[in-house]
Structure formats: structure tokens, C-alpha cells
């Protein structure tokens, strides 16, 4: 029986249709080469074309007992394969457990050089109801959905007075909502304090953390060079290294974000917002830990994931809608927990490769195809050149030489 990864893209889409994962309309959308011209022209400024990247799918990642099909957009070979392998290993052990708290975004209204911080803070507190009314009037549709401004806190940071606004954006990512509310509250607060506002804008820092955990029997993660117990011990050691070495932590986290950002992009979400939030949170530390406990290998990840499932590009991009539908993603919590689980299994696959055969064995095998394309191979030539590239000479010059030889024979 032909495996999923061995099929053509059309055959893969057809299988997803037959499995009830993808609709005919979604399949047609994914088969399209680009956006409608009007959509592309109105999403950004000075639009001069479209930039294509491959969209793949991680099959059957089990998160809290629900099997997810997660779309990923990336240019890097081996990322989807590694995530798929990590998902397979997790599924052998019952899948990933994940949790997400209430979805909130934070905006800041900041005043500079306030003469009397205590008096200013009291003024804000005395007019709290008025400020909430202003926020509700600025975005009444959010209030109707049960969202909107939920909390105002006032604090002093050096010479700055900061009003921190905690906002419920419902199922949206919430950036535009937060900025609209922040600017409305800023105007009202400026009147109360008789002082101009320095800035009123959302923050991409986040205290809202999403967690995922997987417990593995070492026998299920054995590799050709090493038994499972040895691999598990090495993974735990690599995790300890990432906790104390910032340079290793950066690469450790990059492997996690290979999966997370690819899925964030596929769903039309803001990859820069996620990267900024994660960067602020980690501060040079590793996002995940792997420890041996009771003879089992336990992996845990915690990270901020400011994403949404409606609004902005998410709703405007048909392929983002198809990606969400294919994954059975209906709420922000669904997406956040799926992303955290994906990051964890992506990390598992990378650490297992490092602990076993090394990272290059699988990566360079897939990189050969990219080299073939860069050398000018097209169609069936791509696989032919990749297959002929010797393992010890996988570089562009070698790929060009193999292509010339191949074409010379024809």
C-alpha cells in the first residue's frame, strides 16, 4: 500500500477528502497556485506579486485524545517529516496532553514624567467605571460577544505611569481590538490627568502560557544506533544542556519554532507576534524540558501563543480557512494546544535524531531535493538528481554536475 508521503499532492488531497478531513472546496483551494488578485492587492501595500511556499500536513497528531491534521507552511526540508515522526512517537504513547488558559491580550497606556504618581493612580481608580464605559463604547461588538476590556491596573515603572489593560478578544488574535480600546482609554485618561499620553498600544509580551506534555516509554523511541533507554538518557542530557547553555537553548528553541511558526503561518496568523512573545518569554532559556521519571521520558513545554481563529488575514485567506478546517480547529484554545503539542513533538524528533544517528542523516537526504531545484532541475529531474547525489558531496556544484550528466545521457 502506498504511504501518504509517497503519493502525489493530488492523491494526498483525495485521501484527505475520503477520510472526511478535507472538503472538496478546501481541496480545490489548496490546489490553487495563488491568491485572487484582488485579495492580494488589498492585504498589503505596494503589492507587486505573490510569494509561494509549500503547504504540507502533519498527519494524526493526537492532542487530548483528539486526532489533528495540522497544516504547515515552510521552505525547510525535513521539518514536516520530523514533526510527523514526532507525532507518530507520541501516538505510540497515547498522544500529547495540553492545556490553555483564558485567551487575553494586554495593551498599555503610558504617561511620561507624571508629577504625582499616587494622585494620578487614585484619579484613575476613582474613574474606573467611566474608563470601562469608554472602552466598551470603542468596540461594542466585542462586548456583545462577551469580550472587551476586563481589567485595568496602574503601576509605576521608573518615571512612567503605565495603565495595563487586560482585554478578552474572544476568538480573534486581538491586536486591532486592543489598539482601538487602548487609544480610546488613553484619550479619556489624558483628560483626567490633564497630561498627554506617551503611547497607547498593545504589547506583544504575554503572560498567557500554553502547556503540553508527553510521557514516553523509552522502548518506543529506540533508533538503529542505540536502544531506547540510552536514547532517553541522551535526550534528558541534551535538555539539561539547553537549560544552562544559552547558545544551545537558541538552537533547541529554533527546532521547536520550526513546527510552531510553520503552523501559525498556515493558519493566517501573525508569526512575528508569536516570535516576539516567545523571545520575550524565554530570555535565553529553553522552552521545553525532558526528564526521566519512573523509567519514562517526560517532555514538557510552556510558551505564549498569541493567535486567533477569526479576523484579519485569518478570515481573508481561503487557504488559512482550509487549514483550520482540516485540523478541526474551532477555537483559539484548540489552535494554541495543537501548536504547543506540535512544538513538543518537533522537539522530540530533533533531540532523538541528535541522540541517535545525528541530525544530518535525514536532513541532508531531504536537502538534496532543494539542491537539485537550485541547480536547475525540473519535473522528474529533481528526484533523479537527488537520488544520484553522493552523501559526501551534497552541495550545489555537485548537483549541477549530476544534472549536466543526466541531461547529457538524454
Protein backbone atom coordinates (compact mmCIF):
# COMPACT_ATOMS: atom_id res chain seq x y z
CA UNK A 1 0.00 0.00 0.00
CA UNK A 2 1.39 3.40 -0.99
CA UNK A 3 2.21 5.52 2.05
CA UNK A 4 0.82 9.04 2.36
CA UNK A 5 4.19 10.75 1.83
CA UNK A 6 4.82 8.69 -1.30
CA UNK A 7 1.67 9.90 -3.08
CA UNK A 8 1.29 12.88 -5.37
CA UNK A 9 -0.17 16.07 -3.88
CA UNK A 10 -3.44 15.43 -5.73
CA UNK A 11 -3.62 11.88 -4.38
CA UNK A 12 -2.90 13.13 -0.87
CA UNK A 13 -5.73 15.65 -1.11
CA UNK A 14 -8.05 12.94 -2.41
CA UNK A 15 -7.19 10.70 0.53
CA UNK A 16 -7.94 13.54 2.97
CA UNK A 17 -11.30 14.03 1.22
CA UNK A 18 -12.10 10.32 1.53
CA UNK A 19 -11.14 10.40 5.21
CA UNK A 20 -13.57 13.28 5.80
CA UNK A 21 -10.75 15.61 6.84
CA UNK A 22 -10.81 17.90 3.82
CA UNK A 23 -13.82 19.16 1.86
CA UNK A 24 -13.89 19.24 -1.93
CA UNK A 25 -13.91 23.03 -1.75
CA UNK A 26 -10.93 23.00 0.62
CA UNK A 27 -9.06 20.64 -1.70
CA UNK A 28 -9.73 22.90 -4.67
CA UNK A 29 -8.48 25.88 -2.64
CA UNK A 30 -5.26 24.08 -1.66
CA UNK A 31 -4.67 23.09 -5.29
CA UNK A 32 -4.77 26.72 -6.42
CA UNK A 33 -1.38 28.29 -7.09
CA UNK A 34 -2.02 31.72 -5.61
CA UNK A 35 -4.41 34.27 -4.18
CA UNK A 36 -7.07 36.06 -6.12
CA UNK A 37 -5.51 39.27 -7.45
CA UNK A 38 -7.97 41.47 -5.56
CA UNK A 39 -7.28 39.71 -2.25
CA UNK A 40 -3.51 40.01 -2.69
CA UNK A 41 -3.74 43.68 -3.66
CA UNK A 42 -5.81 44.55 -0.60
CA UNK A 43 -3.95 42.61 2.07
CA UNK A 44 -0.72 44.65 1.86
CA UNK A 45 0.59 47.89 0.36
CA UNK A 46 2.64 48.23 -2.85
CA UNK A 47 1.80 44.66 -3.81
CA UNK A 48 3.81 43.60 -6.87
CA UNK A 49 3.32 39.83 -6.88
CA UNK A 50 2.87 36.75 -4.75
CA UNK A 51 5.45 34.65 -2.92
CA UNK A 52 4.76 30.92 -2.85
CA UNK A 53 5.81 28.45 -0.18
CA UNK A 54 4.89 24.76 0.09
CA UNK A 55 2.00 23.79 2.35
CA UNK A 56 2.26 20.34 3.94
CA UNK A 57 0.36 18.45 6.60
CA UNK A 58 1.36 16.63 9.76
CA UNK A 59 -0.80 13.56 9.96
CA UNK A 60 -2.63 12.33 13.04
CA UNK A 61 -1.15 14.28 15.93
CA UNK A 62 -3.20 13.26 18.96
CA UNK A 63 -3.86 16.16 21.36
CA UNK A 64 -6.03 15.48 24.42
CA UNK A 65 -7.46 12.44 22.68
CA UNK A 66 -8.42 14.35 19.51
CA UNK A 67 -6.57 13.47 16.32
CA UNK A 68 -5.45 16.61 14.47
CA UNK A 69 -4.24 17.10 10.90
CA UNK A 70 -2.04 20.20 11.14
CA UNK A 71 -1.12 22.25 8.09
CA UNK A 72 2.40 23.70 7.96
CA UNK A 73 3.92 26.24 5.59
CA UNK A 74 7.71 26.18 5.41
CA UNK A 75 10.62 26.24 3.00
CA UNK A 76 12.91 24.00 5.04
CA UNK A 77 13.27 20.32 4.16
CA UNK A 78 12.73 17.76 6.95
CA UNK A 79 10.52 19.97 9.15
CA UNK A 80 7.23 18.28 8.19
CA UNK A 81 8.89 14.85 8.16
CA UNK A 82 10.33 15.41 11.64
CA UNK A 83 7.01 16.65 13.02
CA UNK A 84 5.24 13.65 11.51
CA UNK A 85 7.78 11.32 13.08
CA UNK A 86 7.43 13.05 16.43
CA UNK A 87 3.64 12.75 16.20
CA UNK A 88 4.00 9.03 15.46
CA UNK A 89 6.20 8.52 18.52
CA UNK A 90 3.80 10.47 20.74
CA UNK A 91 0.84 8.46 19.42
CA UNK A 92 2.60 5.23 20.39
CA UNK A 93 2.38 6.56 23.95
CA UNK A 94 -1.19 7.88 23.98
CA UNK A 95 -0.54 11.26 22.39
CA UNK A 96 0.09 14.69 23.88
CA UNK A 97 -1.80 16.32 26.74
CA UNK A 98 -2.17 20.10 26.50
CA UNK A 99 -3.85 22.95 28.34
CA UNK A 100 -4.57 26.61 27.64
CA UNK A 101 -5.96 29.28 29.90
CA UNK A 102 -8.37 32.13 29.04
CA UNK A 103 -7.37 33.97 25.87
CA UNK A 104 -6.32 37.52 26.74
CA UNK A 105 -4.27 40.32 25.19
CA UNK A 106 -2.67 43.21 27.03
CA UNK A 107 -2.41 46.84 25.96
CA UNK A 108 -0.55 49.66 27.67
CA UNK A 109 -1.43 53.32 28.06
CA UNK A 110 1.71 55.16 29.19
CA UNK A 111 2.27 58.64 30.62
CA UNK A 112 5.75 60.15 30.97
CA UNK A 113 7.03 62.35 33.83
CA UNK A 114 3.90 62.24 35.98
CA UNK A 115 4.32 64.75 38.82
CA UNK A 116 2.45 62.78 41.48
CA UNK A 117 2.12 59.05 40.83
CA UNK A 118 -0.10 58.37 43.83
CA UNK A 119 -2.53 61.13 42.93
CA UNK A 120 -2.64 60.01 39.30
CA UNK A 121 -3.28 56.41 40.35
CA UNK A 122 -6.12 57.50 42.65
CA UNK A 123 -7.64 59.55 39.83
CA UNK A 124 -7.63 56.53 37.54
CA UNK A 125 -9.15 54.34 40.26
CA UNK A 126 -11.91 56.84 41.01
CA UNK A 127 -12.94 56.94 37.35
CA UNK A 128 -12.58 53.23 36.61
CA UNK A 129 -16.26 52.83 35.65
CA UNK A 130 -16.01 55.70 33.19
CA UNK A 131 -12.91 54.21 31.58
CA UNK A 132 -14.64 50.84 31.19
CA UNK A 133 -17.61 52.59 29.59
CA UNK A 134 -15.27 54.35 27.15
CA UNK A 135 -13.61 51.02 26.28
CA UNK A 136 -16.98 49.32 25.74
CA UNK A 137 -18.19 52.14 23.51
CA UNK A 138 -15.00 51.93 21.44
CA UNK A 139 -15.73 48.32 20.45
CA UNK A 140 -19.33 47.37 21.30
CA UNK A 141 -19.30 44.26 19.08
CA UNK A 142 -16.61 42.75 21.30
CA UNK A 143 -18.76 43.35 24.36
CA UNK A 144 -21.74 41.64 22.69
CA UNK A 145 -19.59 38.53 22.24
CA UNK A 146 -18.66 38.58 25.93
CA UNK A 147 -15.26 40.14 25.31
CA UNK A 148 -13.74 43.59 25.64
CA UNK A 149 -11.85 45.24 28.48
CA UNK A 150 -11.71 43.06 31.60
CA UNK A 151 -9.17 44.72 33.88
CA UNK A 152 -7.22 47.95 34.40
CA UNK A 153 -4.13 48.02 36.58
CA UNK A 154 -1.97 51.05 37.30
CA UNK A 155 1.76 50.84 38.07
CA UNK A 156 4.90 52.94 38.16
CA UNK A 157 7.96 51.95 36.16
CA UNK A 158 10.82 54.38 36.64
CA UNK A 159 9.40 57.73 35.51
CA UNK A 160 6.48 56.17 33.62
CA UNK A 161 2.90 55.65 34.76
CA UNK A 162 1.51 52.61 32.96
CA UNK A 163 -2.14 51.63 32.68
CA UNK A 164 -2.22 47.97 31.78
CA UNK A 165 -5.41 46.92 30.03
CA UNK A 166 -6.34 43.23 30.00
CA UNK A 167 -8.69 42.53 27.09
CA UNK A 168 -10.72 39.49 26.05
CA UNK A 169 -10.63 39.33 22.22
CA UNK A 170 -12.89 36.26 22.02
CA UNK A 171 -11.72 34.08 19.10
CA UNK A 172 -9.61 36.79 17.38
CA UNK A 173 -5.90 37.31 17.91
CA UNK A 174 -6.92 40.73 19.23
CA UNK A 175 -4.25 43.19 18.10
CA UNK A 176 -6.60 45.62 16.36
CA UNK A 177 -9.19 45.32 19.13
CA UNK A 178 -6.55 46.04 21.79
CA UNK A 179 -5.24 49.08 19.95
CA UNK A 180 -8.72 50.51 19.43
CA UNK A 181 -9.58 50.15 23.12
CA UNK A 182 -6.17 51.44 24.24
CA UNK A 183 -6.47 54.62 22.19
CA UNK A 184 -9.99 55.30 23.48
CA UNK A 185 -8.98 54.77 27.10
CA UNK A 186 -5.84 56.87 26.54
CA UNK A 187 -7.86 59.88 25.38
CA UNK A 188 -10.13 59.65 28.42
CA UNK A 189 -7.24 59.13 30.86
CA UNK A 190 -5.33 62.06 29.36
CA UNK A 191 -8.30 64.28 30.17
CA UNK A 192 -8.42 63.02 33.75
CA UNK A 193 -4.71 63.57 34.33
CA UNK A 194 -4.50 66.73 32.24
CA UNK A 195 -1.43 65.29 30.56
CA UNK A 196 -0.72 63.96 27.07
CA UNK A 197 -0.24 60.23 26.53
CA UNK A 198 3.20 58.99 25.52
CA UNK A 199 1.91 55.83 23.85
CA UNK A 200 -1.18 53.62 23.73
CA UNK A 201 -0.69 50.23 22.07
CA UNK A 202 -0.88 46.52 22.64
CA UNK A 203 2.13 44.66 23.97
CA UNK A 204 3.44 41.55 22.25
CA UNK A 205 4.69 40.29 25.59
CA UNK A 206 2.29 37.78 27.09
CA UNK A 207 1.64 36.19 30.47
CA UNK A 208 -0.82 33.81 28.83
CA UNK A 209 1.02 30.49 28.60
CA UNK A 210 0.05 27.27 26.86
CA UNK A 211 1.39 23.93 28.10
CA UNK A 212 1.84 20.49 26.57
CA UNK A 213 3.25 17.26 27.95
CA UNK A 214 4.06 13.80 26.64
CA UNK A 215 5.19 10.69 28.53
CA UNK A 216 7.18 8.15 26.53
CA UNK A 217 8.19 4.56 27.10
CA UNK A 218 11.90 4.55 26.13
CA UNK A 219 11.40 1.36 24.11
CA UNK A 220 9.26 3.33 21.65
CA UNK A 221 12.00 5.83 20.78
CA UNK A 222 14.85 3.43 20.01
CA UNK A 223 16.92 4.18 16.92
CA UNK A 224 19.16 1.99 14.79
CA UNK A 225 22.41 3.05 16.56
CA UNK A 226 21.01 2.97 20.11
CA UNK A 227 18.47 1.30 22.37
CA UNK A 228 15.57 3.28 23.78
CA UNK A 229 16.93 3.66 27.30
CA UNK A 230 20.19 5.11 26.01
CA UNK A 231 18.36 7.47 23.65
CA UNK A 232 16.10 8.63 26.51
CA UNK A 233 19.11 9.34 28.73
CA UNK A 234 20.78 11.36 25.99
CA UNK A 235 17.61 13.35 25.32
CA UNK A 236 17.38 14.22 29.01
CA UNK A 237 21.05 15.25 28.99
CA UNK A 238 20.51 17.43 25.90
CA UNK A 239 17.57 19.05 27.69
CA UNK A 240 19.75 19.81 30.72
CA UNK A 241 22.36 21.33 28.41
CA UNK A 242 19.75 23.63 26.85
CA UNK A 243 18.75 24.84 30.32
CA UNK A 244 22.27 26.04 31.18
CA UNK A 245 23.75 26.98 27.78
CA UNK A 246 22.06 29.93 26.02
CA UNK A 247 23.67 29.03 22.68
CA UNK A 248 22.27 25.51 22.81
CA UNK A 249 18.93 26.89 24.03
CA UNK A 250 18.67 29.08 20.93
CA UNK A 251 19.02 26.07 18.62
CA UNK A 252 16.80 23.94 20.86
CA UNK A 253 14.07 26.58 20.63
CA UNK A 254 14.57 27.09 16.90
CA UNK A 255 13.72 23.42 16.37
CA UNK A 256 10.51 23.89 18.33
CA UNK A 257 9.60 27.02 16.38
CA UNK A 258 10.19 25.18 13.08
CA UNK A 259 6.88 23.50 13.72
CA UNK A 260 5.05 26.22 15.63
CA UNK A 261 5.73 29.05 13.16
CA UNK A 262 5.02 26.87 10.13
CA UNK A 263 1.57 26.06 11.53
CA UNK A 264 0.99 29.66 12.65
CA UNK A 265 1.71 30.82 9.10
CA UNK A 266 -0.53 28.15 7.57
CA UNK A 267 -3.49 29.41 9.62
CA UNK A 268 -3.00 33.03 8.58
CA UNK A 269 -1.76 34.14 11.99
CA UNK A 270 1.00 36.64 12.79
CA UNK A 271 4.31 34.77 13.01
CA UNK A 272 6.14 37.93 14.14
CA UNK A 273 3.79 38.37 17.11
CA UNK A 274 4.36 34.77 18.18
CA UNK A 275 8.14 35.08 17.73
CA UNK A 276 8.22 38.33 19.74
CA UNK A 277 6.16 36.84 22.57
CA UNK A 278 8.29 33.69 22.71
CA UNK A 279 11.52 35.70 22.61
CA UNK A 280 10.39 37.92 25.49
CA UNK A 281 9.33 34.89 27.49
CA UNK A 282 12.41 32.70 27.03
CA UNK A 283 15.16 35.27 27.66
CA UNK A 284 17.79 32.75 26.63
CA UNK A 285 16.15 29.74 28.30
CA UNK A 286 14.87 26.55 26.66
CA UNK A 287 11.14 26.32 26.00
CA UNK A 288 10.93 22.61 26.77
CA UNK A 289 12.32 20.14 29.30
CA UNK A 290 12.84 16.38 29.05
CA UNK A 291 13.37 14.34 32.20
CA UNK A 292 13.48 10.70 33.21
CA UNK A 293 10.88 9.83 35.82
CA UNK A 294 9.91 6.34 36.92
CA UNK A 295 11.60 4.78 33.92
CA UNK A 296 9.68 7.03 31.50
CA UNK A 297 10.83 10.03 29.45
CA UNK A 298 8.60 13.03 30.18
CA UNK A 299 8.64 16.05 27.91
CA UNK A 300 7.05 19.37 28.84
CA UNK A 301 6.72 22.66 27.02
CA UNK A 302 5.25 26.01 28.02
CA UNK A 303 5.09 29.06 25.76
CA UNK A 304 2.96 32.11 24.88
CA UNK A 305 0.90 31.73 21.69
CA UNK A 306 -0.94 34.94 20.72
CA UNK A 307 -3.10 33.59 17.89
CA UNK A 308 -6.70 33.68 16.71
CA UNK A 309 -9.10 31.75 14.53
CA UNK A 310 -11.08 34.66 13.07
CA UNK A 311 -10.39 38.17 11.83
CA UNK A 312 -7.81 39.84 9.62
CA UNK A 313 -5.81 37.65 7.28
CA UNK A 314 -7.14 34.55 9.04
CA UNK A 315 -10.60 35.18 7.61
CA UNK A 316 -9.37 36.72 4.35
CA UNK A 317 -7.09 33.87 3.26
CA UNK A 318 -9.01 30.87 1.87
CA UNK A 319 -6.09 28.50 2.49
CA UNK A 320 -5.90 29.59 6.13
CA UNK A 321 -9.57 28.71 6.47
CA UNK A 322 -8.92 25.35 4.81
CA UNK A 323 -6.03 24.70 7.20
CA UNK A 324 -8.16 25.44 10.26
CA UNK A 325 -10.99 23.28 8.95
CA UNK A 326 -8.68 20.39 8.11
CA UNK A 327 -7.29 20.43 11.66
CA UNK A 328 -10.73 20.59 13.23
CA UNK A 329 -9.68 23.89 14.83
CA UNK A 330 -12.73 25.81 16.05
CA UNK A 331 -11.46 27.85 19.00
CA UNK A 332 -8.32 29.71 19.97
CA UNK A 333 -7.71 27.08 22.66
CA UNK A 334 -7.87 24.33 20.02
CA UNK A 335 -5.21 26.09 17.98
CA UNK A 336 -3.00 27.01 20.92
CA UNK A 337 -2.95 23.49 22.33
CA UNK A 338 -2.31 21.99 18.89
CA UNK A 339 0.60 24.39 18.33
CA UNK A 340 2.13 23.58 21.72
CA UNK A 341 1.80 19.85 21.05
CA UNK A 342 3.32 20.30 17.60
CA UNK A 343 6.29 22.21 19.02
CA UNK A 344 6.85 19.46 21.58
CA UNK A 345 6.84 16.57 19.10
CA UNK A 346 9.00 18.60 16.70
CA UNK A 347 11.47 18.98 19.56
CA UNK A 348 11.26 15.26 20.33
CA UNK A 349 12.13 14.30 16.76
CA UNK A 350 15.13 16.66 16.69
CA UNK A 351 16.50 15.53 20.06
CA UNK A 352 16.02 11.87 19.15
CA UNK A 353 17.98 12.42 15.93
CA UNK A 354 20.75 14.21 17.84
CA UNK A 355 20.88 11.44 20.43
CA UNK A 356 20.90 8.74 17.76
CA UNK A 357 22.13 8.92 14.15
CA UNK A 358 22.73 12.68 14.15
CA UNK A 359 20.70 15.49 12.64
CA UNK A 360 22.28 15.48 9.19
CA UNK A 361 21.38 11.94 8.13
CA UNK A 362 17.72 12.67 7.50
CA UNK A 363 18.03 16.39 6.93
CA UNK A 364 20.55 16.21 4.12
CA UNK A 365 18.65 13.44 2.37
CA UNK A 366 15.73 15.83 2.02
CA UNK A 367 18.02 18.81 1.39
CA UNK A 368 19.22 17.02 -1.75
CA UNK A 369 15.93 17.84 -3.46
CA UNK A 370 16.33 21.54 -2.70
CA UNK A 371 19.85 21.41 -4.11
CA UNK A 372 18.55 19.75 -7.27
CA UNK A 373 15.99 22.55 -7.73
CA UNK A 374 18.63 25.23 -7.08
CA UNK A 375 20.83 23.57 -9.72
CA UNK A 376 18.07 24.00 -12.27
CA UNK A 377 16.39 20.58 -12.22
CA UNK A 378 12.71 20.48 -13.14
CA UNK A 379 9.98 17.86 -13.10
CA UNK A 380 11.26 14.28 -12.84
CA UNK A 381 14.83 15.58 -12.92
CA UNK A 382 14.52 16.76 -9.30
CA UNK A 383 14.18 13.27 -7.81
CA UNK A 384 16.70 11.84 -10.28
CA UNK A 385 19.38 14.37 -9.34
CA UNK A 386 18.67 14.00 -5.61
CA UNK A 387 18.97 10.22 -5.83
CA UNK A 388 22.31 10.48 -7.65
CA UNK A 389 23.93 12.98 -5.29
CA UNK A 390 26.58 11.20 -3.22
CA UNK A 391 26.15 11.62 0.54
CA UNK A 392 29.65 13.05 0.93
CA UNK A 393 29.18 15.68 -1.81
CA UNK A 394 25.77 17.23 -1.27
CA UNK A 395 26.44 20.74 -2.48
CA UNK A 396 25.28 22.96 -5.33
CA UNK A 397 28.30 22.31 -7.53
CA UNK A 398 27.80 18.54 -7.26
CA UNK A 399 24.09 18.92 -8.02
CA UNK A 400 24.86 20.92 -11.17
CA UNK A 401 27.38 18.30 -12.29
CA UNK A 402 24.88 15.47 -11.78
CA UNK A 403 22.21 17.42 -13.69
CA UNK A 404 24.59 18.02 -16.62
CA UNK A 405 25.45 14.34 -16.73
CA UNK A 406 21.79 13.37 -16.55
CA UNK A 407 20.83 15.70 -19.39
CA UNK A 408 23.85 14.60 -21.41
CA UNK A 409 22.63 11.00 -21.31
CA UNK A 410 19.28 12.11 -22.65
